[in-house]
Amino acid sequence: MSFALKLFATALLLATVALSAKQGWGMLTDQPPVRELLQPLGLGRQSRLLLGSVVLLSAGLTVFAGTFLWGSYLSAACILLILALQLHHQNVAGALVELPFLVLALVVLYLRHPLAQR
């Protein structure tokens, strides 16, 4: 992998981890924007805490090369769950908002961890 591609993969990886950590922490601390996003989907306080814990775990696992795949798959699964819940509640606009995050997670997964041995 060229240096420019590794640099790009690192930037995307850091952006993904930062977004996941921010969203997971928002779920754990029950911040109003996150609550407004998840309450219409039928997720109560305990569900938000569980999902927030899983999102934070996926962010932490994604950072390290050895657990990168587990973290990336877990992150994509969480985004896919929220997207499916949005569609289940006929909120197409909310589902469309989640699509770029799913694509970002899949691109990071495709590029692999920049420090991993090939």
N, C-alpha and C. Protein backbone atom coordinates (compact mmCIF):
# COMPACT_ATOMS: atom_id res chain seq x y z
N MET A 1 0.85 -1.17 0.00
CA MET A 1 0.00 0.00 0.00
C MET A 1 0.90 1.24 0.00
N SER A 2 0.58 2.19 -0.85
CA SER A 2 1.39 3.40 -0.95
C SER A 2 1.22 4.26 0.30
N PHE A 3 2.16 5.18 0.46
CA PHE A 3 2.13 6.05 1.63
C PHE A 3 0.87 6.93 1.63
N ALA A 4 0.50 7.44 0.46
CA ALA A 4 -0.69 8.31 0.37
C ALA A 4 -1.95 7.53 0.75
N LEU A 5 -2.05 6.29 0.31
CA LEU A 5 -3.22 5.48 0.63
C LEU A 5 -3.25 5.13 2.11
N LYS A 6 -2.08 4.88 2.70
CA LYS A 6 -2.02 4.61 4.14
C LYS A 6 -2.42 5.85 4.93
N LEU A 7 -2.00 7.00 4.48
CA LEU A 7 -2.37 8.25 5.13
C LEU A 7 -3.88 8.49 5.04
N PHE A 8 -4.45 8.21 3.88
CA PHE A 8 -5.89 8.34 3.68
C PHE A 8 -6.65 7.35 4.56
N ALA A 9 -6.18 6.12 4.63
CA ALA A 9 -6.81 5.09 5.47
C ALA A 9 -6.72 5.48 6.94
N THR A 10 -5.60 6.06 7.36
CA THR A 10 -5.45 6.50 8.74
C THR A 10 -6.43 7.62 9.06
N ALA A 11 -6.57 8.58 8.15
CA ALA A 11 -7.50 9.69 8.38
C ALA A 11 -8.94 9.19 8.47
N LEU A 12 -9.31 8.27 7.59
CA LEU A 12 -10.66 7.71 7.65
C LEU A 12 -10.88 6.90 8.91
N LEU A 13 -9.87 6.15 9.32
CA LEU A 13 -9.96 5.35 10.53
C LEU A 13 -10.15 6.24 11.76
N LEU A 14 -9.36 7.30 11.84
CA LEU A 14 -9.48 8.23 12.97
C LEU A 14 -10.83 8.94 12.98
N ALA A 15 -11.32 9.31 11.80
CA ALA A 15 -12.64 9.95 11.72
C ALA A 15 -13.74 8.99 12.17
N THR A 16 -13.65 7.75 11.74
CA THR A 16 -14.64 6.75 12.12
C THR A 16 -14.62 6.50 13.62
N VAL A 17 -13.44 6.37 14.18
CA VAL A 17 -13.32 6.12 15.63
C VAL A 17 -13.86 7.32 16.40
N ALA A 18 -13.54 8.53 15.96
CA ALA A 18 -14.03 9.72 16.66
C ALA A 18 -15.55 9.82 16.59
N LEU A 19 -16.12 9.57 15.42
CA LEU A 19 -17.58 9.63 15.30
C LEU A 19 -18.26 8.54 16.14
N SER A 20 -17.70 7.34 16.12
CA SER A 20 -18.27 6.25 16.92
C SER A 20 -18.17 6.54 18.41
N ALA A 21 -17.03 7.04 18.83
CA ALA A 21 -16.84 7.35 20.25
C ALA A 21 -17.80 8.46 20.69
N LYS A 22 -17.97 9.47 19.86
CA LYS A 22 -18.88 10.57 20.20
C LYS A 22 -20.32 10.07 20.28
N GLN A 23 -20.73 9.26 19.32
CA GLN A 23 -22.09 8.74 19.32
C GLN A 23 -22.32 7.78 20.48
N GLY A 24 -21.36 6.90 20.73
CA GLY A 24 -21.48 5.96 21.84
C GLY A 24 -21.53 6.66 23.18
N TRP A 25 -20.69 7.67 23.36
CA TRP A 25 -20.69 8.43 24.61
C TRP A 25 -22.01 9.19 24.77
N GLY A 26 -22.53 9.69 23.66
CA GLY A 26 -23.83 10.37 23.70
C GLY A 26 -24.95 9.44 24.12
N MET A 27 -24.87 8.19 23.70
CA MET A 27 -25.88 7.21 24.11
C MET A 27 -25.73 6.85 25.59
N LEU A 28 -24.50 6.72 26.04
CA LEU A 28 -24.27 6.35 27.44
C LEU A 28 -24.65 7.47 28.40
N THR A 29 -24.39 8.70 28.02
CA THR A 29 -24.70 9.83 28.90
C THR A 29 -26.09 10.41 28.66
N ASP A 30 -26.83 9.80 27.73
CA ASP A 30 -28.21 10.18 27.45
C ASP A 30 -28.31 11.64 27.03
N GLN A 31 -27.48 12.05 26.10
CA GLN A 31 -27.50 13.43 25.61
C GLN A 31 -28.77 13.66 24.77
N PRO A 32 -29.37 14.84 24.86
CA PRO A 32 -30.64 15.11 24.18
C PRO A 32 -30.65 14.83 22.68
N PRO A 33 -29.63 15.21 21.89
CA PRO A 33 -29.72 14.92 20.45
C PRO A 33 -29.78 13.41 20.16
N VAL A 34 -29.03 12.64 20.92
CA VAL A 34 -29.03 11.19 20.72
C VAL A 34 -30.36 10.60 21.18
N ARG A 35 -30.87 11.10 22.28
CA ARG A 35 -32.17 10.63 22.78
C ARG A 35 -33.26 10.92 21.76
N GLU A 36 -33.23 12.12 21.16
CA GLU A 36 -34.23 12.48 20.15
C GLU A 36 -34.12 11.59 18.91
N LEU A 37 -32.92 11.14 18.61
CA LEU A 37 -32.72 10.26 17.46
C LEU A 37 -33.24 8.85 17.73
N LEU A 38 -33.02 8.34 18.94
CA LEU A 38 -33.30 6.93 19.22
C LEU A 38 -34.65 6.67 19.86
N GLN A 39 -35.26 7.62 20.55
CA GLN A 39 -36.55 7.38 21.19
C GLN A 39 -37.66 7.07 20.20
N PRO A 40 -37.75 7.77 19.07
CA PRO A 40 -38.81 7.42 18.10
C PRO A 40 -38.65 6.01 17.53
N LEU A 41 -37.47 5.43 17.68
CA LEU A 41 -37.23 4.08 17.15
C LEU A 41 -37.64 3.00 18.14
N GLY A 42 -38.16 3.40 19.28
CA GLY A 42 -38.62 2.44 20.26
C GLY A 42 -37.53 1.95 21.20
N LEU A 43 -36.39 2.65 21.24
CA LEU A 43 -35.31 2.25 22.13
C LEU A 43 -35.44 2.99 23.46
N GLY A 44 -35.58 2.24 24.53
CA GLY A 44 -35.66 2.82 25.86
C GLY A 44 -34.27 3.12 26.41
N ARG A 45 -34.24 3.51 27.66
CA ARG A 45 -32.97 3.88 28.31
C ARG A 45 -31.97 2.72 28.33
N GLN A 46 -32.43 1.53 28.71
CA GLN A 46 -31.52 0.38 28.79
C GLN A 46 -31.00 -0.01 27.41
N SER A 47 -31.85 0.07 26.40
CA SER A 47 -31.42 -0.25 25.03
C SER A 47 -30.38 0.75 24.54
N ARG A 48 -30.60 2.01 24.87
CA ARG A 48 -29.62 3.03 24.46
C ARG A 48 -28.29 2.82 25.17
N LEU A 49 -28.35 2.44 26.46
CA LEU A 49 -27.11 2.16 27.19
C LEU A 49 -26.36 0.97 26.59
N LEU A 50 -27.09 -0.08 26.25
CA LEU A 50 -26.47 -1.26 25.65
C LEU A 50 -25.88 -0.93 24.29
N LEU A 51 -26.65 -0.24 23.46
CA LEU A 51 -26.15 0.13 22.14
C LEU A 51 -24.96 1.08 22.24
N GLY A 52 -25.01 2.01 23.17
CA GLY A 52 -23.89 2.92 23.38
C GLY A 52 -22.64 2.18 23.81
N SER A 53 -22.79 1.18 24.68
CA SER A 53 -21.65 0.37 25.11
C SER A 53 -21.04 -0.40 23.94
N VAL A 54 -21.91 -0.95 23.10
CA VAL A 54 -21.43 -1.72 21.95
C VAL A 54 -20.73 -0.79 20.95
N VAL A 55 -21.28 0.40 20.74
CA VAL A 55 -20.65 1.36 19.81
C VAL A 55 -19.28 1.80 20.34
N LEU A 56 -19.19 2.07 21.65
CA LEU A 56 -17.90 2.43 22.23
C LEU A 56 -16.90 1.27 22.15
N LEU A 57 -17.37 0.07 22.38
CA LEU A 57 -16.52 -1.11 22.26
C LEU A 57 -16.01 -1.25 20.84
N SER A 58 -16.87 -1.05 19.86
CA SER A 58 -16.45 -1.16 18.46
C SER A 58 -15.41 -0.09 18.12
N ALA A 59 -15.58 1.11 18.66
CA ALA A 59 -14.59 2.17 18.42
C ALA A 59 -13.24 1.78 19.00
N GLY A 60 -13.25 1.24 20.21
CA GLY A 60 -12.00 0.82 20.84
C GLY A 60 -11.34 -0.33 20.11
N LEU A 61 -12.13 -1.29 19.64
CA LEU A 61 -11.56 -2.43 18.93
C LEU A 61 -11.00 -2.04 17.57
N THR A 62 -11.61 -1.05 16.94
CA THR A 62 -11.18 -0.62 15.61
C THR A 62 -9.80 0.03 15.64
N VAL A 63 -9.42 0.61 16.75
CA VAL A 63 -8.14 1.32 16.85
C VAL A 63 -6.95 0.38 16.67
N PHE A 64 -7.04 -0.80 17.23
CA PHE A 64 -5.90 -1.72 17.24
C PHE A 64 -5.95 -2.66 16.05
N ALA A 65 -4.79 -2.91 15.46
CA ALA A 65 -4.70 -3.73 14.26
C ALA A 65 -5.19 -5.16 14.49
N GLY A 66 -4.92 -5.71 15.67
CA GLY A 66 -5.30 -7.08 15.95
C GLY A 66 -6.79 -7.30 16.09
N THR A 67 -7.52 -6.29 16.49
CA THR A 67 -8.97 -6.42 16.67
C THR A 67 -9.74 -5.53 15.71
N PHE A 68 -9.06 -5.06 14.68
CA PHE A 68 -9.65 -4.13 13.73
C PHE A 68 -10.88 -4.72 13.04
N LEU A 69 -10.79 -5.95 12.57
CA LEU A 69 -11.92 -6.54 11.85
C LEU A 69 -13.14 -6.68 12.74
N TRP A 70 -12.95 -7.16 13.97
CA TRP A 70 -14.07 -7.28 14.90
C TRP A 70 -14.73 -5.93 15.14
N GLY A 71 -13.91 -4.92 15.40
CA GLY A 71 -14.45 -3.59 15.65
C GLY A 71 -15.17 -3.01 14.45
N SER A 72 -14.61 -3.21 13.27
CA SER A 72 -15.24 -2.68 12.06
C SER A 72 -16.56 -3.37 11.77
N TYR A 73 -16.59 -4.68 11.90
CA TYR A 73 -17.85 -5.41 11.69
C TYR A 73 -18.90 -5.01 12.72
N LEU A 74 -18.48 -4.85 13.95
CA LEU A 74 -19.40 -4.46 15.00
C LEU A 74 -19.95 -3.05 14.76
N SER A 75 -19.08 -2.16 14.33
CA SER A 75 -19.50 -0.79 14.02
C SER A 75 -20.50 -0.78 12.86
N ALA A 76 -20.20 -1.51 11.80
CA ALA A 76 -21.11 -1.58 10.66
C ALA A 76 -22.44 -2.21 11.05
N ALA A 77 -22.40 -3.21 11.93
CA ALA A 77 -23.64 -3.85 12.39
C ALA A 77 -24.50 -2.88 13.19
N CYS A 78 -23.88 -2.07 14.03
CA CYS A 78 -24.63 -1.09 14.81
C CYS A 78 -25.29 -0.05 13.90
N ILE A 79 -24.55 0.41 12.92
CA ILE A 79 -25.11 1.38 11.97
C ILE A 79 -26.25 0.74 11.18
N LEU A 80 -26.05 -0.51 10.78
CA LEU A 80 -27.09 -1.22 10.04
C LEU A 80 -28.34 -1.44 10.89
N LEU A 81 -28.16 -1.68 12.19
CA LEU A 81 -29.29 -1.84 13.10
C LEU A 81 -30.10 -0.54 13.18
N ILE A 82 -29.41 0.57 13.34
CA ILE A 82 -30.11 1.86 13.42
C ILE A 82 -30.81 2.17 12.10
N LEU A 83 -30.16 1.86 10.99
CA LEU A 83 -30.75 2.07 9.67
C LEU A 83 -32.00 1.21 9.51
N ALA A 84 -31.93 -0.05 9.94
CA ALA A 84 -33.09 -0.95 9.84
C ALA A 84 -34.23 -0.47 10.74
N LEU A 85 -33.91 0.02 11.93
CA LEU A 85 -34.95 0.55 12.81
C LEU A 85 -35.60 1.79 12.20
N GLN A 86 -34.81 2.63 11.56
CA GLN A 86 -35.37 3.81 10.89
C GLN A 86 -36.35 3.38 9.80
N LEU A 87 -35.97 2.39 9.01
CA LEU A 87 -36.85 1.93 7.95
C LEU A 87 -38.08 1.22 8.51
N HIS A 88 -37.92 0.50 9.61
CA HIS A 88 -39.04 -0.18 10.24
C HIS A 88 -40.11 0.81 10.70
N HIS A 89 -39.68 1.98 11.12
CA HIS A 89 -40.59 3.03 11.58
C HIS A 89 -40.92 4.02 10.46
N GLN A 90 -40.71 3.61 9.21
CA GLN A 90 -41.02 4.39 8.01
C GLN A 90 -40.37 5.77 8.00
N ASN A 91 -39.18 5.88 8.57
CA ASN A 91 -38.45 7.14 8.57
C ASN A 91 -37.34 7.04 7.52
N VAL A 92 -37.71 7.26 6.27
CA VAL A 92 -36.76 7.12 5.17
C VAL A 92 -35.69 8.20 5.24
N ALA A 93 -36.05 9.40 5.65
CA ALA A 93 -35.07 10.48 5.77
C ALA A 93 -34.00 10.12 6.81
N GLY A 94 -34.42 9.56 7.93
CA GLY A 94 -33.46 9.13 8.96
C GLY A 94 -32.57 8.01 8.46
N ALA A 95 -33.13 7.10 7.67
CA ALA A 95 -32.34 6.01 7.11
C ALA A 95 -31.31 6.55 6.11
N LEU A 96 -31.70 7.54 5.34
CA LEU A 96 -30.77 8.13 4.37
C LEU A 96 -29.61 8.85 5.07
N VAL A 97 -29.87 9.38 6.26
CA VAL A 97 -28.82 10.03 7.04
C VAL A 97 -27.78 9.00 7.49
N GLU A 98 -28.22 7.78 7.77
CA GLU A 98 -27.31 6.73 8.24
C GLU A 98 -26.47 6.12 7.12
N LEU A 99 -26.91 6.22 5.88
CA LEU A 99 -26.20 5.59 4.77
C LEU A 99 -24.74 6.05 4.61
N PRO A 100 -24.43 7.34 4.69
CA PRO A 100 -23.02 7.73 4.56
C PRO A 100 -22.13 7.13 5.65
N PHE A 101 -22.67 6.96 6.85
CA PHE A 101 -21.89 6.38 7.93
C PHE A 101 -21.64 4.90 7.67
N LEU A 102 -22.63 4.21 7.10
CA LEU A 102 -22.43 2.81 6.73
C LEU A 102 -21.40 2.69 5.62
N VAL A 103 -21.47 3.55 4.64
CA VAL A 103 -20.48 3.53 3.55
C VAL A 103 -19.08 3.83 4.10
N LEU A 104 -18.98 4.78 5.01
CA LEU A 104 -17.68 5.10 5.63
C LEU A 104 -17.12 3.89 6.36
N ALA A 105 -17.97 3.21 7.12
CA ALA A 105 -17.51 2.02 7.86
C ALA A 105 -17.05 0.93 6.89
N LEU A 106 -17.75 0.76 5.78
CA LEU A 106 -17.37 -0.27 4.82
C LEU A 106 -16.10 0.10 4.06
N VAL A 107 -15.91 1.38 3.77
CA VAL A 107 -14.67 1.81 3.11
C VAL A 107 -13.47 1.61 4.04
N VAL A 108 -13.63 1.94 5.30
CA VAL A 108 -12.55 1.72 6.28
C VAL A 108 -12.24 0.23 6.38
N LEU A 109 -13.26 -0.58 6.36
CA LEU A 109 -13.07 -2.03 6.41
C LEU A 109 -12.35 -2.53 5.16
N TYR A 110 -12.68 -1.98 4.01
CA TYR A 110 -12.03 -2.37 2.76
C TYR A 110 -10.55 -1.97 2.75
N LEU A 111 -10.26 -0.78 3.25
CA LEU A 111 -8.88 -0.29 3.23
C LEU A 111 -8.00 -0.98 4.27
N ARG A 112 -8.60 -1.61 5.24
CA ARG A 112 -7.90 -2.31 6.32
C ARG A 112 -7.15 -1.33 7.21
N HIS A 113 -6.63 -1.87 8.30
CA HIS A 113 -5.90 -1.05 9.26
C HIS A 113 -4.56 -0.64 8.63
N PRO A 114 -4.20 0.64 8.72
CA PRO A 114 -2.96 1.10 8.08
C PRO A 114 -1.68 0.49 8.67
N LEU A 115 -1.72 0.01 9.91
CA LEU A 115 -0.53 -0.57 10.52
C LEU A 115 -0.51 -2.09 10.45
N ALA A 116 -1.53 -2.69 9.86
CA ALA A 116 -1.60 -4.16 9.78
C ALA A 116 -0.58 -4.68 8.78
N GLN A 117 -0.06 -5.84 9.08
CA GLN A 117 0.85 -6.52 8.14
C GLN A 117 0.01 -7.12 7.02
N ARG A 118 0.44 -6.92 5.80
CA ARG A 118 -0.31 -7.41 4.65
C ARG A 118 0.10 -8.82 4.32
